[in-house]
Amino acid sequence: MAFEDIKAIYRNDPAARGIEPILYSGLHAILFHRVSHRLYRWGLRFVARVVSQTARFLTGIEIHPGASIGKGLFIDHGMALVVGETAEIGKDCVLFHNVTLGGTGKHKGKRHPTLGDEVFVGTGAVILGPVKIGNRVRIGANSFIYMCDVPDDATVVGSPGRIVRLRGEPVDLPLPKTIHIEE
């Protein structure tokens, strides 16, 4: 998996040169997470939390050991990024700094967002609740998505989030009021 994560840096960061990406805090956070997630799945939850909190201290990126992360995640300038326990991130996603994939405090079980494959989440975006973000979705900087699913191939901007492109066509739609909650 580490090889896919390093390839993601070169694919997504035009400033990545030589062996420099091994210094990226986003890569370090992901590698720590791969270890803590395995410990978490083995039932060693306290040790997993020690590893994840060490990563948080060193990188400024907080990823709960219970979160599931696909191959090829790229975290660019990840300071203050938060990923909750039941969050799921698909493959080849990009997250910028100050992104929150959080819960609302009102749910049991699945409490955090699920991101599809090839999702781009801009700086400062907040996605809350057990929502599904489709494949190839682009979420603009400082967008706020609360308890609303986002369909595949959409671009969301604003607070509250609005769909401004859907399948390559310009639109102006509020996020769907119907939400998907599994309990």
C-alpha atoms as a PDB file:
ATOM      1  CA  MET A   1       0.000   0.000   0.000  1.00  0.00           C
ATOM      2  CA  ALA A   2       2.809   2.444   0.734  1.00  0.00           C
ATOM      3  CA  PHE A   3       3.889   2.297  -2.907  1.00  0.00           C
ATOM      4  CA  GLU A   4       0.400   3.370  -4.061  1.00  0.00           C
ATOM      5  CA  ASP A   5       0.437   6.223  -1.534  1.00  0.00           C
ATOM      6  CA  ILE A   6       3.809   7.455  -2.817  1.00  0.00           C
ATOM      7  CA  LYS A   7       2.594   7.212  -6.437  1.00  0.00           C
ATOM      8  CA  ALA A   8      -0.416   9.341  -5.417  1.00  0.00           C
ATOM      9  CA  ILE A   9       1.934  12.135  -4.337  1.00  0.00           C
ATOM     10  CA  TYR A  10       3.660  12.234  -7.716  1.00  0.00           C
ATOM     11  CA  ARG A  11       0.298  12.021  -9.510  1.00  0.00           C
ATOM     12  CA  ASN A  12      -1.289  14.895  -7.561  1.00  0.00           C
ATOM     13  CA  ASP A  13       1.514  17.271  -6.577  1.00  0.00           C
ATOM     14  CA  PRO A  14       3.369  19.092  -9.349  1.00  0.00           C
ATOM     15  CA  ALA A  15       5.970  20.187  -6.782  1.00  0.00           C
ATOM     16  CA  ALA A  16       6.940  16.577  -5.951  1.00  0.00           C
ATOM     17  CA  ARG A  17      10.476  15.912  -7.151  1.00  0.00           C
ATOM     18  CA  GLY A  18      13.047  13.226  -6.516  1.00  0.00           C
ATOM     19  CA  ILE A  19      12.770  11.531  -3.133  1.00  0.00           C
ATOM     20  CA  GLU A  20      11.375  14.662  -1.468  1.00  0.00           C
ATOM     21  CA  PRO A  21       7.838  13.176  -1.034  1.00  0.00           C
ATOM     22  CA  ILE A  22       9.140  10.840   1.683  1.00  0.00           C
ATOM     23  CA  LEU A  23       9.168  13.985   3.861  1.00  0.00           C
ATOM     24  CA  TYR A  24       5.454  14.759   3.346  1.00  0.00           C
ATOM     25  CA  SER A  25       3.465  14.764   6.590  1.00  0.00           C
ATOM     26  CA  GLY A  26       0.414  13.409   4.738  1.00  0.00           C
ATOM     27  CA  LEU A  27       2.379  10.326   3.729  1.00  0.00           C
ATOM     28  CA  HIS A  28       3.610   9.862   7.299  1.00  0.00           C
ATOM     29  CA  ALA A  29       0.045  10.126   8.646  1.00  0.00           C
ATOM     30  CA  ILE A  30      -1.182   7.532   6.146  1.00  0.00           C
ATOM     31  CA  LEU A  31       1.642   5.122   6.987  1.00  0.00           C
ATOM     32  CA  PHE A  32       0.977   5.514  10.728  1.00  0.00           C
ATOM     33  CA  HIS A  33      -2.705   4.924   9.997  1.00  0.00           C
ATOM     34  CA  ARG A  34      -1.996   1.716   8.099  1.00  0.00           C
ATOM     35  CA  VAL A  35      -0.273   0.400  11.253  1.00  0.00           C
ATOM     36  CA  SER A  36      -2.874   1.701  13.722  1.00  0.00           C
ATOM     37  CA  HIS A  37      -5.772   0.391  11.600  1.00  0.00           C
ATOM     38  CA  ARG A  38      -4.290  -3.091  11.551  1.00  0.00           C
ATOM     39  CA  LEU A  39      -3.821  -3.004  15.347  1.00  0.00           C
ATOM     40  CA  TYR A  40      -7.399  -1.745  15.716  1.00  0.00           C
ATOM     41  CA  ARG A  41      -8.745  -4.616  13.614  1.00  0.00           C
ATOM     42  CA  TRP A  42      -6.747  -7.071  15.736  1.00  0.00           C
ATOM     43  CA  GLY A  43      -8.553  -5.751  18.827  1.00  0.00           C
ATOM     44  CA  LEU A  44      -5.514  -3.885  20.197  1.00  0.00           C
ATOM     45  CA  ARG A  45      -7.470  -0.644  20.420  1.00  0.00           C
ATOM     46  CA  PHE A  46      -5.413   1.100  23.084  1.00  0.00           C
ATOM     47  CA  VAL A  47      -2.158   0.456  21.241  1.00  0.00           C
ATOM     48  CA  ALA A  48      -3.829   1.562  18.006  1.00  0.00           C
ATOM     49  CA  ARG A  49      -4.848   4.836  19.667  1.00  0.00           C
ATOM     50  CA  VAL A  50      -1.312   5.369  20.972  1.00  0.00           C
ATOM     51  CA  VAL A  51       0.000   5.014  17.406  1.00  0.00           C
ATOM     52  CA  SER A  52      -2.683   7.324  15.971  1.00  0.00           C
ATOM     53  CA  GLN A  53      -2.143   9.967  18.658  1.00  0.00           C
ATOM     54  CA  THR A  54       1.610   9.834  18.051  1.00  0.00           C
ATOM     55  CA  ALA A  55       0.905  10.447  14.357  1.00  0.00           C
ATOM     56  CA  ARG A  56      -1.374  13.341  15.279  1.00  0.00           C
ATOM     57  CA  PHE A  57       1.320  14.879  17.460  1.00  0.00           C
ATOM     58  CA  LEU A  58       3.970  14.513  14.738  1.00  0.00           C
ATOM     59  CA  THR A  59       1.896  15.489  11.689  1.00  0.00           C
ATOM     60  CA  GLY A  60      -1.095  17.546  12.840  1.00  0.00           C
ATOM     61  CA  ILE A  61      -3.323  15.052  11.011  1.00  0.00           C
ATOM     62  CA  GLU A  62      -5.835  13.051  13.042  1.00  0.00           C
ATOM     63  CA  ILE A  63      -7.067   9.804  11.525  1.00  0.00           C
ATOM     64  CA  HIS A  64      -8.967   7.487  13.860  1.00  0.00           C
ATOM     65  CA  PRO A  65      -7.603   3.911  13.735  1.00  0.00           C
ATOM     66  CA  GLY A  66     -11.078   2.622  12.890  1.00  0.00           C
ATOM     67  CA  ALA A  67     -11.333   4.641   9.667  1.00  0.00           C
ATOM     68  CA  SER A  68     -10.959   2.716   6.394  1.00  0.00           C
ATOM     69  CA  ILE A  69      -8.681   4.238   3.765  1.00  0.00           C
ATOM     70  CA  GLY A  70      -8.278   2.966   0.212  1.00  0.00           C
ATOM     71  CA  LYS A  71      -5.097   2.899  -1.844  1.00  0.00           C
ATOM     72  CA  GLY A  72      -3.625   6.045  -3.296  1.00  0.00           C
ATOM     73  CA  LEU A  73      -4.883   8.638  -0.805  1.00  0.00           C
ATOM     74  CA  PHE A  74      -3.075  11.978  -1.161  1.00  0.00           C
ATOM     75  CA  ILE A  75      -3.183  14.386   1.765  1.00  0.00           C
ATOM     76  CA  ASP A  76      -1.818  17.757   0.688  1.00  0.00           C
ATOM     77  CA  HIS A  77      -0.740  20.176   3.448  1.00  0.00           C
ATOM     78  CA  GLY A  78      -2.722  18.050   5.889  1.00  0.00           C
ATOM     79  CA  MET A  79      -2.509  20.137   9.073  1.00  0.00           C
ATOM     80  CA  ALA A  80      -5.772  20.067  11.065  1.00  0.00           C
ATOM     81  CA  LEU A  81      -7.296  17.303   8.927  1.00  0.00           C
ATOM     82  CA  VAL A  82      -9.682  15.056  10.910  1.00  0.00           C
ATOM     83  CA  VAL A  83     -11.056  11.659   9.852  1.00  0.00           C
ATOM     84  CA  GLY A  84     -13.552  10.002  12.207  1.00  0.00           C
ATOM     85  CA  GLU A  85     -13.762   6.391  13.350  1.00  0.00           C
ATOM     86  CA  THR A  86     -16.396   5.082  10.932  1.00  0.00           C
ATOM     87  CA  ALA A  87     -15.266   7.162   7.939  1.00  0.00           C
ATOM     88  CA  GLU A  88     -14.465   5.307   4.734  1.00  0.00           C
ATOM     89  CA  ILE A  89     -12.276   6.793   2.010  1.00  0.00           C
ATOM     90  CA  GLY A  90     -12.161   5.179  -1.428  1.00  0.00           C
ATOM     91  CA  LYS A  91      -9.121   4.823  -3.640  1.00  0.00           C
ATOM     92  CA  ASP A  92      -7.225   7.680  -5.304  1.00  0.00           C
ATOM     93  CA  CYS A  93      -8.816  10.451  -3.215  1.00  0.00           C
ATOM     94  CA  VAL A  94      -7.297  13.864  -2.447  1.00  0.00           C
ATOM     95  CA  LEU A  95      -7.814  15.718   0.847  1.00  0.00           C
ATOM     96  CA  PHE A  96      -6.411  19.175   1.594  1.00  0.00           C
ATOM     97  CA  HIS A  97      -5.688  20.733   4.980  1.00  0.00           C
ATOM     98  CA  ASN A  98      -8.368  21.499   7.540  1.00  0.00           C
ATOM     99  CA  VAL A  99     -10.818  18.965   6.062  1.00  0.00           C
ATOM    100  CA  THR A 100     -13.200  17.302   8.521  1.00  0.00           C
ATOM    101  CA  LEU A 101     -14.880  13.968   7.881  1.00  0.00           C
ATOM    102  CA  GLY A 102     -16.833  13.982  11.111  1.00  0.00           C
ATOM    103  CA  GLY A 103     -19.908  12.848  12.946  1.00  0.00           C
ATOM    104  CA  THR A 104     -22.864  14.801  14.263  1.00  0.00           C
ATOM    105  CA  GLY A 105     -23.045  13.166  17.674  1.00  0.00           C
ATOM    106  CA  LYS A 106     -26.599  12.015  16.914  1.00  0.00           C
ATOM    107  CA  HIS A 107     -25.906   8.589  15.411  1.00  0.00           C
ATOM    108  CA  LYS A 108     -24.882   5.179  16.635  1.00  0.00           C
ATOM    109  CA  GLY A 109     -22.964   2.706  14.479  1.00  0.00           C
ATOM    110  CA  LYS A 110     -21.970   4.335  11.186  1.00  0.00           C
ATOM    111  CA  ARG A 111     -21.482   8.005  12.128  1.00  0.00           C
ATOM    112  CA  HIS A 112     -19.029   9.409   9.593  1.00  0.00           C
ATOM    113  CA  PRO A 113     -18.954  10.001   5.822  1.00  0.00           C
ATOM    114  CA  THR A 114     -18.157   7.472   3.114  1.00  0.00           C
ATOM    115  CA  LEU A 115     -16.179   8.878   0.185  1.00  0.00           C
ATOM    116  CA  GLY A 116     -16.231   7.040  -3.139  1.00  0.00           C
ATOM    117  CA  ASP A 117     -13.235   6.672  -5.437  1.00  0.00           C
ATOM    118  CA  GLU A 118     -11.375   9.655  -6.925  1.00  0.00           C
ATOM    119  CA  VAL A 119     -13.002  12.214  -4.616  1.00  0.00           C
ATOM    120  CA  PHE A 120     -11.345  15.634  -4.259  1.00  0.00           C
ATOM    121  CA  VAL A 121     -12.030  17.569  -1.037  1.00  0.00           C
ATOM    122  CA  GLY A 122     -10.793  21.162  -0.924  1.00  0.00           C
ATOM    123  CA  THR A 123      -9.283  23.109   1.951  1.00  0.00           C
ATOM    124  CA  GLY A 124     -11.531  23.627   4.965  1.00  0.00           C
ATOM    125  CA  ALA A 125     -14.417  21.494   3.692  1.00  0.00           C
ATOM    126  CA  VAL A 126     -16.597  19.900   6.369  1.00  0.00           C
ATOM    127  CA  ILE A 127     -18.594  16.749   5.696  1.00  0.00           C
ATOM    128  CA  LEU A 128     -20.682  15.580   8.638  1.00  0.00           C
ATOM    129  CA  GLY A 129     -22.761  12.505   9.302  1.00  0.00           C
ATOM    130  CA  PRO A 130     -23.166   9.037   7.798  1.00  0.00           C
ATOM    131  CA  VAL A 131     -23.486  10.323   4.238  1.00  0.00           C
ATOM    132  CA  LYS A 132     -22.296   8.876   0.957  1.00  0.00           C
ATOM    133  CA  ILE A 133     -20.173  10.980  -1.359  1.00  0.00           C
ATOM    134  CA  GLY A 134     -20.202   9.432  -4.829  1.00  0.00           C
ATOM    135  CA  ASN A 135     -17.302   8.581  -7.133  1.00  0.00           C
ATOM    136  CA  ARG A 136     -15.390  11.376  -8.889  1.00  0.00           C
ATOM    137  CA  VAL A 137     -17.001  14.089  -6.740  1.00  0.00           C
ATOM    138  CA  ARG A 138     -15.243  17.434  -6.306  1.00  0.00           C
ATOM    139  CA  ILE A 139     -15.958  19.363  -3.111  1.00  0.00           C
ATOM    140  CA  GLY A 140     -14.836  22.979  -3.101  1.00  0.00           C
ATOM    141  CA  ALA A 141     -12.863  24.754  -0.405  1.00  0.00           C
ATOM    142  CA  ASN A 142     -14.855  25.652   2.732  1.00  0.00           C
ATOM    143  CA  SER A 143     -17.924  23.748   1.538  1.00  0.00           C
ATOM    144  CA  PHE A 144     -20.250  22.381   4.192  1.00  0.00           C
ATOM    145  CA  ILE A 145     -22.127  19.120   3.657  1.00  0.00           C
ATOM    146  CA  TYR A 146     -24.424  18.069   6.491  1.00  0.00           C
ATOM    147  CA  MET A 147     -26.466  14.902   6.330  1.00  0.00           C
ATOM    148  CA  CYS A 148     -26.903  14.897   2.529  1.00  0.00           C
ATOM    149  CA  ASP A 149     -25.635  12.335   0.039  1.00  0.00           C
ATOM    150  CA  VAL A 150     -23.833  13.556  -3.099  1.00  0.00           C
ATOM    151  CA  PRO A 151     -24.280  11.684  -6.400  1.00  0.00           C
ATOM    152  CA  ASP A 152     -21.433  10.487  -8.634  1.00  0.00           C
ATOM    153  CA  ASP A 153     -19.680  13.018 -10.898  1.00  0.00           C
ATOM    154  CA  ALA A 154     -20.890  16.104  -9.008  1.00  0.00           C
ATOM    155  CA  THR A 155     -19.120  19.305  -8.020  1.00  0.00           C
ATOM    156  CA  VAL A 156     -20.265  20.822  -4.721  1.00  0.00           C
ATOM    157  CA  VAL A 157     -19.471  24.321  -3.462  1.00  0.00           C
ATOM    158  CA  GLY A 158     -20.679  26.619  -0.721  1.00  0.00           C
ATOM    159  CA  SER A 159     -22.079  26.529   2.762  1.00  0.00           C
ATOM    160  CA  PRO A 160     -24.520  24.894   2.737  1.00  0.00           C
ATOM    161  CA  GLY A 161     -23.230  22.865  -0.178  1.00  0.00           C
ATOM    162  CA  ARG A 162     -24.886  23.126  -3.583  1.00  0.00           C
ATOM    163  CA  ILE A 163     -24.273  21.020  -6.669  1.00  0.00           C
ATOM    164  CA  VAL A 164     -22.969  23.308  -9.426  1.00  0.00           C
ATOM    165  CA  ARG A 165     -21.915  20.626 -11.931  1.00  0.00           C
ATOM    166  CA  LEU A 166     -23.385  17.201 -12.474  1.00  0.00           C
ATOM    167  CA  ARG A 167     -21.930  14.764 -15.033  1.00  0.00           C
ATOM    168  CA  GLY A 168     -20.016  17.636 -16.646  1.00  0.00           C
ATOM    169  CA  GLU A 169     -23.047  19.910 -17.102  1.00  0.00           C
ATOM    170  CA  PRO A 170     -23.573  23.176 -15.190  1.00  0.00           C
ATOM    171  CA  VAL A 171     -26.504  23.015 -12.742  1.00  0.00           C
ATOM    172  CA  ASP A 172     -27.630  24.832  -9.618  1.00  0.00           C
ATOM    173  CA  LEU A 173     -29.144  22.302  -7.250  1.00  0.00           C
ATOM    174  CA  PRO A 174     -29.408  22.097  -3.489  1.00  0.00           C
ATOM    175  CA  LEU A 175     -28.080  18.850  -2.081  1.00  0.00           C
ATOM    176  CA  PRO A 176     -30.787  16.181  -1.948  1.00  0.00           C
ATOM    177  CA  LYS A 177     -32.885  16.298   1.197  1.00  0.00           C
ATOM    178  CA  THR A 178     -33.139  12.532   1.261  1.00  0.00           C
ATOM    179  CA  ILE A 179     -30.338  11.088   3.291  1.00  0.00           C
ATOM    180  CA  HIS A 180     -28.965   7.605   3.650  1.00  0.00           C
ATOM    181  CA  ILE A 181     -28.530   6.539   7.269  1.00  0.00           C
ATOM    182  CA  GLU A 182     -27.666   3.041   8.330  1.00  0.00           C
ATOM    183  CA  GLU A 183     -28.214   2.166  11.954  1.00  0.00           C
END
